């Protein structure tokens, strides 16, 4: 199992890798050593996903309060 740097993974890629790790572990495909490595990698991915979700939640909160001025995705951010 090749470890990918956390900085380059987007949320969807991290979730897909995490889902594959869970599926492999649930299927009993991994020997003990690989299971431990997969568990560690899964914990890292879970932390990354939680962090990205918290960031997104904070951005949504800011948008809901009309505070964010430089959001360019919609072109109309900051307008109440």
PDB file of N, CA and C in Angstrom:
ATOM      1  N   UNK A   1       0.843  -1.164   0.000  1.00  0.00           N
ATOM      2  CA  UNK A   1       0.000   0.000   0.000  1.00  0.00           C
ATOM      3  C   UNK A   1       0.895   1.235   0.000  1.00  0.00           C
ATOM      4  N   UNK A   2       0.832   2.015  -1.056  1.00  0.00           N
ATOM      5  CA  UNK A   2       1.684   3.203  -1.176  1.00  0.00           C
ATOM      6  C   UNK A   2       1.074   4.360  -0.408  1.00  0.00           C
ATOM      7  N   UNK A   3       1.873   4.971   0.432  1.00  0.00           N
ATOM      8  CA  UNK A   3       1.400   6.119   1.195  1.00  0.00           C
ATOM      9  C   UNK A   3       1.484   7.358   0.325  1.00  0.00           C
ATOM     10  N   UNK A   4       0.406   8.127   0.329  1.00  0.00           N
ATOM     11  CA  UNK A   4       0.372   9.364  -0.433  1.00  0.00           C
ATOM     12  C   UNK A   4       0.535  10.528   0.531  1.00  0.00           C
ATOM     13  N   UNK A   5       1.234  11.571   0.123  1.00  0.00           N
ATOM     14  CA  UNK A   5       1.354  12.730   0.995  1.00  0.00           C
ATOM     15  C   UNK A   5      -0.009  13.356   1.254  1.00  0.00           C
ATOM     16  N   UNK A   6      -0.286  13.684   2.498  1.00  0.00           N
ATOM     17  CA  UNK A   6      -1.579  14.249   2.860  1.00  0.00           C
ATOM     18  C   UNK A   6      -1.853  15.573   2.160  1.00  0.00           C
ATOM     19  N   UNK A   7      -0.818  16.370   1.917  1.00  0.00           N
ATOM     20  CA  UNK A   7      -1.005  17.690   1.350  1.00  0.00           C
ATOM     21  C   UNK A   7      -1.594  17.642  -0.050  1.00  0.00           C
ATOM     22  N   UNK A   8      -1.374  16.569  -0.804  1.00  0.00           N
ATOM     23  CA  UNK A   8      -1.834  16.512  -2.181  1.00  0.00           C
ATOM     24  C   UNK A   8      -3.186  15.818  -2.329  1.00  0.00           C
ATOM     25  N   UNK A   9      -3.693  15.214  -1.296  1.00  0.00           N
ATOM     26  CA  UNK A   9      -4.977  14.531  -1.385  1.00  0.00           C
ATOM     27  C   UNK A   9      -6.125  15.503  -1.207  1.00  0.00           C
ATOM     28  N   UNK A  10      -7.119  15.398  -2.088  1.00  0.00           N
ATOM     29  CA  UNK A  10      -8.340  16.143  -1.841  1.00  0.00           C
ATOM     30  C   UNK A  10      -9.280  15.251  -1.031  1.00  0.00           C
ATOM     31  N   UNK A  11     -10.368  15.804  -0.586  1.00  0.00           N
ATOM     32  CA  UNK A  11     -11.290  15.083   0.285  1.00  0.00           C
ATOM     33  C   UNK A  11     -11.794  13.797  -0.374  1.00  0.00           C
ATOM     34  N   UNK A  12     -12.193  13.899  -1.616  1.00  0.00           N
ATOM     35  CA  UNK A  12     -12.764  12.746  -2.306  1.00  0.00           C
ATOM     36  C   UNK A  12     -11.753  11.610  -2.464  1.00  0.00           C
ATOM     37  N   UNK A  13     -10.503  11.961  -2.779  1.00  0.00           N
ATOM     38  CA  UNK A  13      -9.465  10.947  -2.914  1.00  0.00           C
ATOM     39  C   UNK A  13      -9.167  10.279  -1.580  1.00  0.00           C
ATOM     40  N   UNK A  14      -9.126  11.086  -0.525  1.00  0.00           N
ATOM     41  CA  UNK A  14      -8.876  10.547   0.813  1.00  0.00           C
ATOM     42  C   UNK A  14     -10.008   9.610   1.226  1.00  0.00           C
ATOM     43  N   UNK A  15     -11.237  10.007   0.949  1.00  0.00           N
ATOM     44  CA  UNK A  15     -12.378   9.146   1.294  1.00  0.00           C
ATOM     45  C   UNK A  15     -12.351   7.841   0.503  1.00  0.00           C
ATOM     46  N   UNK A  16     -12.019   7.922  -0.769  1.00  0.00           N
ATOM     47  CA  UNK A  16     -11.962   6.709  -1.591  1.00  0.00           C
ATOM     48  C   UNK A  16     -10.893   5.755  -1.071  1.00  0.00           C
ATOM     49  N   UNK A  17      -9.736   6.294  -0.713  1.00  0.00           N
ATOM     50  CA  UNK A  17      -8.674   5.440  -0.179  1.00  0.00           C
ATOM     51  C   UNK A  17      -9.093   4.843   1.163  1.00  0.00           C
ATOM     52  N   UNK A  18      -9.712   5.651   1.997  1.00  0.00           N
ATOM     53  CA  UNK A  18     -10.178   5.168   3.299  1.00  0.00           C
ATOM     54  C   UNK A  18     -11.223   4.070   3.132  1.00  0.00           C
ATOM     55  N   UNK A  19     -12.151   4.251   2.206  1.00  0.00           N
ATOM     56  CA  UNK A  19     -13.167   3.227   1.950  1.00  0.00           C
ATOM     57  C   UNK A  19     -12.534   1.920   1.480  1.00  0.00           C
ATOM     58  N   UNK A  20     -11.489   2.018   0.643  1.00  0.00           N
ATOM     59  CA  UNK A  20     -10.809   0.813   0.166  1.00  0.00           C
ATOM     60  C   UNK A  20     -10.096   0.103   1.310  1.00  0.00           C
ATOM     61  N   UNK A  21      -9.469   0.878   2.184  1.00  0.00           N
ATOM     62  CA  UNK A  21      -8.790   0.288   3.344  1.00  0.00           C
ATOM     63  C   UNK A  21      -9.798  -0.450   4.218  1.00  0.00           C
ATOM     64  N   UNK A  22     -10.930   0.182   4.483  1.00  0.00           N
ATOM     65  CA  UNK A  22     -11.964  -0.444   5.314  1.00  0.00           C
ATOM     66  C   UNK A  22     -12.472  -1.719   4.653  1.00  0.00           C
ATOM     67  N   UNK A  23     -12.721  -1.665   3.349  1.00  0.00           N
ATOM     68  CA  UNK A  23     -13.210  -2.852   2.633  1.00  0.00           C
ATOM     69  C   UNK A  23     -12.194  -3.994   2.706  1.00  0.00           C
ATOM     70  N   UNK A  24     -10.918  -3.676   2.514  1.00  0.00           N
ATOM     71  CA  UNK A  24      -9.879  -4.704   2.578  1.00  0.00           C
ATOM     72  C   UNK A  24      -9.785  -5.305   3.979  1.00  0.00           C
ATOM     73  N   UNK A  25      -9.867  -4.442   4.986  1.00  0.00           N
ATOM     74  CA  UNK A  25      -9.771  -4.948   6.362  1.00  0.00           C
ATOM     75  C   UNK A  25     -10.994  -5.792   6.725  1.00  0.00           C
ATOM     76  N   UNK A  26     -12.176  -5.339   6.314  1.00  0.00           N
ATOM     77  CA  UNK A  26     -13.385  -6.100   6.610  1.00  0.00           C
ATOM     78  C   UNK A  26     -13.400  -7.444   5.897  1.00  0.00           C
ATOM     79  N   UNK A  27     -12.806  -7.503   4.707  1.00  0.00           N
ATOM     80  CA  UNK A  27     -12.776  -8.746   3.936  1.00  0.00           C
ATOM     81  C   UNK A  27     -11.727  -9.711   4.461  1.00  0.00           C
ATOM     82  N   UNK A  28     -10.880  -9.251   5.372  1.00  0.00           N
ATOM     83  CA  UNK A  28      -9.841 -10.116   5.918  1.00  0.00           C
ATOM     84  C   UNK A  28      -8.737 -10.410   4.923  1.00  0.00           C
ATOM     85  N   UNK A  29      -8.529  -9.509   3.979  1.00  0.00           N
ATOM     86  CA  UNK A  29      -7.526  -9.712   2.930  1.00  0.00           C
ATOM     87  C   UNK A  29      -6.103  -9.444   3.393  1.00  0.00           C
ATOM     88  N   UNK A  30      -5.945  -8.789   4.518  1.00  0.00           N
ATOM     89  CA  UNK A  30      -4.612  -8.333   4.917  1.00  0.00           C
ATOM     90  C   UNK A  30      -4.045  -9.154   6.059  1.00  0.00           C
ATOM     91  N   UNK A  31      -2.764  -9.520   5.974  1.00  0.00           N
ATOM     92  CA  UNK A  31      -2.113 -10.147   7.119  1.00  0.00           C
ATOM     93  C   UNK A  31      -1.956  -9.122   8.242  1.00  0.00           C
ATOM     94  N   UNK A  32      -1.609  -9.589   9.423  1.00  0.00           N
ATOM     95  CA  UNK A  32      -1.553  -8.741  10.603  1.00  0.00           C
ATOM     96  C   UNK A  32      -0.707  -7.486  10.407  1.00  0.00           C
ATOM     97  N   UNK A  33       0.505  -7.632   9.912  1.00  0.00           N
ATOM     98  CA  UNK A  33       1.391  -6.465   9.726  1.00  0.00           C
ATOM     99  C   UNK A  33       0.768  -5.447   8.787  1.00  0.00           C
ATOM    100  N   UNK A  34       0.185  -5.932   7.694  1.00  0.00           N
ATOM    101  CA  UNK A  34      -0.453  -5.028   6.737  1.00  0.00           C
ATOM    102  C   UNK A  34      -1.708  -4.395   7.336  1.00  0.00           C
ATOM    103  N   UNK A  35      -2.408  -5.149   8.173  1.00  0.00           N
ATOM    104  CA  UNK A  35      -3.588  -4.603   8.841  1.00  0.00           C
ATOM    105  C   UNK A  35      -3.215  -3.447   9.762  1.00  0.00           C
ATOM    106  N   UNK A  36      -2.105  -3.602  10.475  1.00  0.00           N
ATOM    107  CA  UNK A  36      -1.649  -2.527  11.354  1.00  0.00           C
ATOM    108  C   UNK A  36      -1.257  -1.290  10.547  1.00  0.00           C
ATOM    109  N   UNK A  37      -0.560  -1.488   9.444  1.00  0.00           N
ATOM    110  CA  UNK A  37      -0.179  -0.372   8.580  1.00  0.00           C
ATOM    111  C   UNK A  37      -1.423   0.290   7.973  1.00  0.00           C
ATOM    112  N   UNK A  38      -2.387  -0.536   7.579  1.00  0.00           N
ATOM    113  CA  UNK A  38      -3.623  -0.005   7.007  1.00  0.00           C
ATOM    114  C   UNK A  38      -4.412   0.784   8.056  1.00  0.00           C
ATOM    115  N   UNK A  39      -4.429   0.296   9.281  1.00  0.00           N
ATOM    116  CA  UNK A  39      -5.118   1.004  10.359  1.00  0.00           C
ATOM    117  C   UNK A  39      -4.484   2.377  10.589  1.00  0.00           C
ATOM    118  N   UNK A  40      -3.147   2.399  10.592  1.00  0.00           N
ATOM    119  CA  UNK A  40      -2.435   3.669  10.780  1.00  0.00           C
ATOM    120  C   UNK A  40      -2.758   4.631   9.640  1.00  0.00           C
ATOM    121  N   UNK A  41      -2.696   4.131   8.408  1.00  0.00           N
ATOM    122  CA  UNK A  41      -3.007   4.973   7.248  1.00  0.00           C
ATOM    123  C   UNK A  41      -4.456   5.443   7.307  1.00  0.00           C
ATOM    124  N   UNK A  42      -5.352   4.565   7.714  1.00  0.00           N
ATOM    125  CA  UNK A  42      -6.755   4.935   7.841  1.00  0.00           C
ATOM    126  C   UNK A  42      -6.966   6.046   8.868  1.00  0.00           C
ATOM    127  N   UNK A  43      -6.248   5.976   9.975  1.00  0.00           N
ATOM    128  CA  UNK A  43      -6.340   7.020  10.998  1.00  0.00           C
ATOM    129  C   UNK A  43      -5.846   8.357  10.444  1.00  0.00           C
ATOM    130  N   UNK A  44      -4.771   8.322   9.646  1.00  0.00           N
ATOM    131  CA  UNK A  44      -4.263   9.548   9.022  1.00  0.00           C
ATOM    132  C   UNK A  44      -5.288  10.120   8.052  1.00  0.00           C
ATOM    133  N   UNK A  45      -5.887   9.260   7.243  1.00  0.00           N
ATOM    134  CA  UNK A  45      -6.888   9.714   6.281  1.00  0.00           C
ATOM    135  C   UNK A  45      -8.119  10.268   6.984  1.00  0.00           C
ATOM    136  N   UNK A  46      -8.524   9.608   8.067  1.00  0.00           N
ATOM    137  CA  UNK A  46      -9.677  10.084   8.825  1.00  0.00           C
ATOM    138  C   UNK A  46      -9.416  11.477   9.379  1.00  0.00           C
ATOM    139  N   UNK A  47      -8.227  11.694   9.900  1.00  0.00           N
ATOM    140  CA  UNK A  47      -7.855  13.003  10.421  1.00  0.00           C
ATOM    141  C   UNK A  47      -7.877  14.056   9.308  1.00  0.00           C
ATOM    142  N   UNK A  48      -7.345  13.706   8.152  1.00  0.00           N
ATOM    143  CA  UNK A  48      -7.344  14.618   7.017  1.00  0.00           C
ATOM    144  C   UNK A  48      -8.769  14.973   6.601  1.00  0.00           C
ATOM    145  N   UNK A  49      -9.635  13.972   6.505  1.00  0.00           N
ATOM    146  CA  UNK A  49     -11.021  14.211   6.099  1.00  0.00           C
ATOM    147  C   UNK A  49     -11.754  15.079   7.122  1.00  0.00           C
ATOM    148  N   UNK A  50     -11.559  14.802   8.386  1.00  0.00           N
ATOM    149  CA  UNK A  50     -12.191  15.620   9.427  1.00  0.00           C
ATOM    150  C   UNK A  50     -11.739  17.068   9.336  1.00  0.00           C
ATOM    151  N   UNK A  51     -10.451  17.263   9.112  1.00  0.00           N
ATOM    152  CA  UNK A  51      -9.900  18.613   8.998  1.00  0.00           C
ATOM    153  C   UNK A  51     -10.522  19.344   7.811  1.00  0.00           C
ATOM    154  N   UNK A  52     -10.620  18.663   6.680  1.00  0.00           N
ATOM    155  CA  UNK A  52     -11.204  19.290   5.489  1.00  0.00           C
ATOM    156  C   UNK A  52     -12.682  19.596   5.705  1.00  0.00           C
ATOM    157  N   UNK A  53     -13.404  18.713   6.394  1.00  0.00           N
ATOM    158  CA  UNK A  53     -14.810  18.975   6.684  1.00  0.00           C
ATOM    159  C   UNK A  53     -14.987  20.156   7.640  1.00  0.00           C
ATOM    160  N   UNK A  54     -14.109  20.241   8.643  1.00  0.00           N
ATOM    161  CA  UNK A  54     -14.170  21.370   9.573  1.00  0.00           C
ATOM    162  C   UNK A  54     -13.879  22.673   8.842  1.00  0.00           C
ATOM    163  N   UNK A  55     -12.904  22.667   7.930  1.00  0.00           N
ATOM    164  CA  UNK A  55     -12.609  23.861   7.137  1.00  0.00           C
ATOM    165  C   UNK A  55     -13.816  24.273   6.298  1.00  0.00           C
ATOM    166  N   UNK A  56     -14.443  23.296   5.652  1.00  0.00           N
ATOM    167  CA  UNK A  56     -15.612  23.586   4.828  1.00  0.00           C
ATOM    168  C   UNK A  56     -16.758  24.112   5.685  1.00  0.00           C
ATOM    169  N   UNK A  57     -16.945  23.517   6.859  1.00  0.00           N
ATOM    170  CA  UNK A  57     -18.008  23.963   7.754  1.00  0.00           C
ATOM    171  C   UNK A  57     -17.772  25.414   8.183  1.00  0.00           C
ATOM    172  N   UNK A  58     -16.533  25.760   8.463  1.00  0.00           N
ATOM    173  CA  UNK A  58     -16.223  27.129   8.860  1.00  0.00           C
ATOM    174  C   UNK A  58     -16.472  28.095   7.706  1.00  0.00           C
ATOM    175  N   UNK A  59     -16.109  27.705   6.501  1.00  0.00           N
ATOM    176  CA  UNK A  59     -16.352  28.562   5.342  1.00  0.00           C
ATOM    177  C   UNK A  59     -17.843  28.778   5.130  1.00  0.00           C
ATOM    178  N   UNK A  60     -18.646  27.728   5.277  1.00  0.00           N
ATOM    179  CA  UNK A  60     -20.086  27.851   5.130  1.00  0.00           C
ATOM    180  C   UNK A  60     -20.645  28.774   6.206  1.00  0.00           C
ATOM    181  N   UNK A  61     -20.157  28.627   7.423  1.00  0.00           N
ATOM    182  CA  UNK A  61     -20.600  29.484   8.516  1.00  0.00           C
ATOM    183  C   UNK A  61     -20.310  30.947   8.214  1.00  0.00           C
ATOM    184  N   UNK A  62     -19.119  31.212   7.691  1.00  0.00           N
ATOM    185  CA  UNK A  62     -18.747  32.580   7.342  1.00  0.00           C
ATOM    186  C   UNK A  62     -19.636  33.086   6.213  1.00  0.00           C
ATOM    187  N   UNK A  63     -19.876  32.262   5.218  1.00  0.00           N
ATOM    188  CA  UNK A  63     -20.740  32.656   4.107  1.00  0.00           C
ATOM    189  C   UNK A  63     -22.156  32.958   4.581  1.00  0.00           C
ATOM    190  N   UNK A  64     -22.651  32.152   5.497  1.00  0.00           N
ATOM    191  CA  UNK A  64     -24.006  32.364   6.006  1.00  0.00           C
ATOM    192  C   UNK A  64     -24.134  33.680   6.746  1.00  0.00           C
ATOM    193  N   UNK A  65     -23.047  34.134   7.331  1.00  0.00           N
ATOM    194  CA  UNK A  65     -23.067  35.405   8.042  1.00  0.00           C
ATOM    195  C   UNK A  65     -22.702  36.576   7.147  1.00  0.00           C
ATOM    196  N   UNK A  66     -22.491  36.334   5.866  1.00  0.00           N
ATOM    197  CA  UNK A  66     -22.183  37.391   4.918  1.00  0.00           C
ATOM    198  C   UNK A  66     -20.846  38.068   5.162  1.00  0.00           C
ATOM    199  N   UNK A  67     -19.899  37.363   5.783  1.00  0.00           N
ATOM    200  CA  UNK A  67     -18.625  37.964   6.143  1.00  0.00           C
ATOM    201  C   UNK A  67     -17.574  37.747   5.067  1.00  0.00           C
ATOM    202  N   UNK A  68     -17.607  36.608   4.410  1.00  0.00           N
ATOM    203  CA  UNK A  68     -16.558  36.268   3.460  1.00  0.00           C
ATOM    204  C   UNK A  68     -16.664  37.156   2.227  1.00  0.00           C
ATOM    205  N   UNK A  69     -15.621  37.912   1.928  1.00  0.00           N
ATOM    206  CA  UNK A  69     -15.638  38.870   0.833  1.00  0.00           C
ATOM    207  C   UNK A  69     -14.896  38.376  -0.398  1.00  0.00           C
ATOM    208  N   UNK A  70     -13.928  37.487  -0.242  1.00  0.00           N
ATOM    209  CA  UNK A  70     -13.064  37.109  -1.352  1.00  0.00           C
ATOM    210  C   UNK A  70     -13.365  35.736  -1.922  1.00  0.00           C
ATOM    211  N   UNK A  71     -14.529  35.200  -1.704  1.00  0.00           N
ATOM    212  CA  UNK A  71     -14.898  33.889  -2.247  1.00  0.00           C
ATOM    213  C   UNK A  71     -15.270  34.070  -3.709  1.00  0.00           C
ATOM    214  N   UNK A  72     -14.556  33.410  -4.616  1.00  0.00           N
ATOM    215  CA  UNK A  72     -14.735  33.671  -6.041  1.00  0.00           C
ATOM    216  C   UNK A  72     -15.557  32.613  -6.781  1.00  0.00           C
ATOM    217  N   UNK A  73     -15.923  31.540  -6.134  1.00  0.00           N
ATOM    218  CA  UNK A  73     -16.619  30.463  -6.829  1.00  0.00           C
ATOM    219  C   UNK A  73     -17.968  30.913  -7.403  1.00  0.00           C
ATOM    220  N   UNK A  74     -18.732  31.697  -6.648  1.00  0.00           N
ATOM    221  CA  UNK A  74     -20.033  32.155  -7.113  1.00  0.00           C
ATOM    222  C   UNK A  74     -19.978  33.539  -7.706  1.00  0.00           C
ATOM    223  N   UNK A  75     -18.933  34.268  -7.447  1.00  0.00           N
ATOM    224  CA  UNK A  75     -18.793  35.607  -7.984  1.00  0.00           C
ATOM    225  C   UNK A  75     -19.588  36.657  -7.229  1.00  0.00           C
ATOM    226  N   UNK A  76     -20.445  36.241  -6.307  1.00  0.00           N
ATOM    227  CA  UNK A  76     -21.287  37.195  -5.592  1.00  0.00           C
ATOM    228  C   UNK A  76     -21.136  37.073  -4.093  1.00  0.00           C
ATOM    229  N   UNK A  77     -20.062  36.518  -3.632  1.00  0.00           N
ATOM    230  CA  UNK A  77     -19.842  36.330  -2.191  1.00  0.00           C
ATOM    231  C   UNK A  77     -19.750  37.671  -1.497  1.00  0.00           C
ATOM    232  N   UNK A  78     -20.179  37.670  -0.252  1.00  0.00           N
ATOM    233  CA  UNK A  78     -20.096  38.882   0.544  1.00  0.00           C
ATOM    234  C   UNK A  78     -21.328  39.755   0.394  1.00  0.00           C
ATOM    235  N   UNK A  79     -22.220  39.402  -0.517  1.00  0.00           N
ATOM    236  CA  UNK A  79     -23.437  40.177  -0.670  1.00  0.00           C
ATOM    237  C   UNK A  79     -24.547  39.512   0.119  1.00  0.00           C
ATOM    238  N   UNK A  80     -25.228  40.280   0.926  1.00  0.00           N
ATOM    239  CA  UNK A  80     -26.279  39.734   1.782  1.00  0.00           C
ATOM    240  C   UNK A  80     -27.587  39.682   1.074  1.00  0.00           C
TER     241      UNK A  80
END
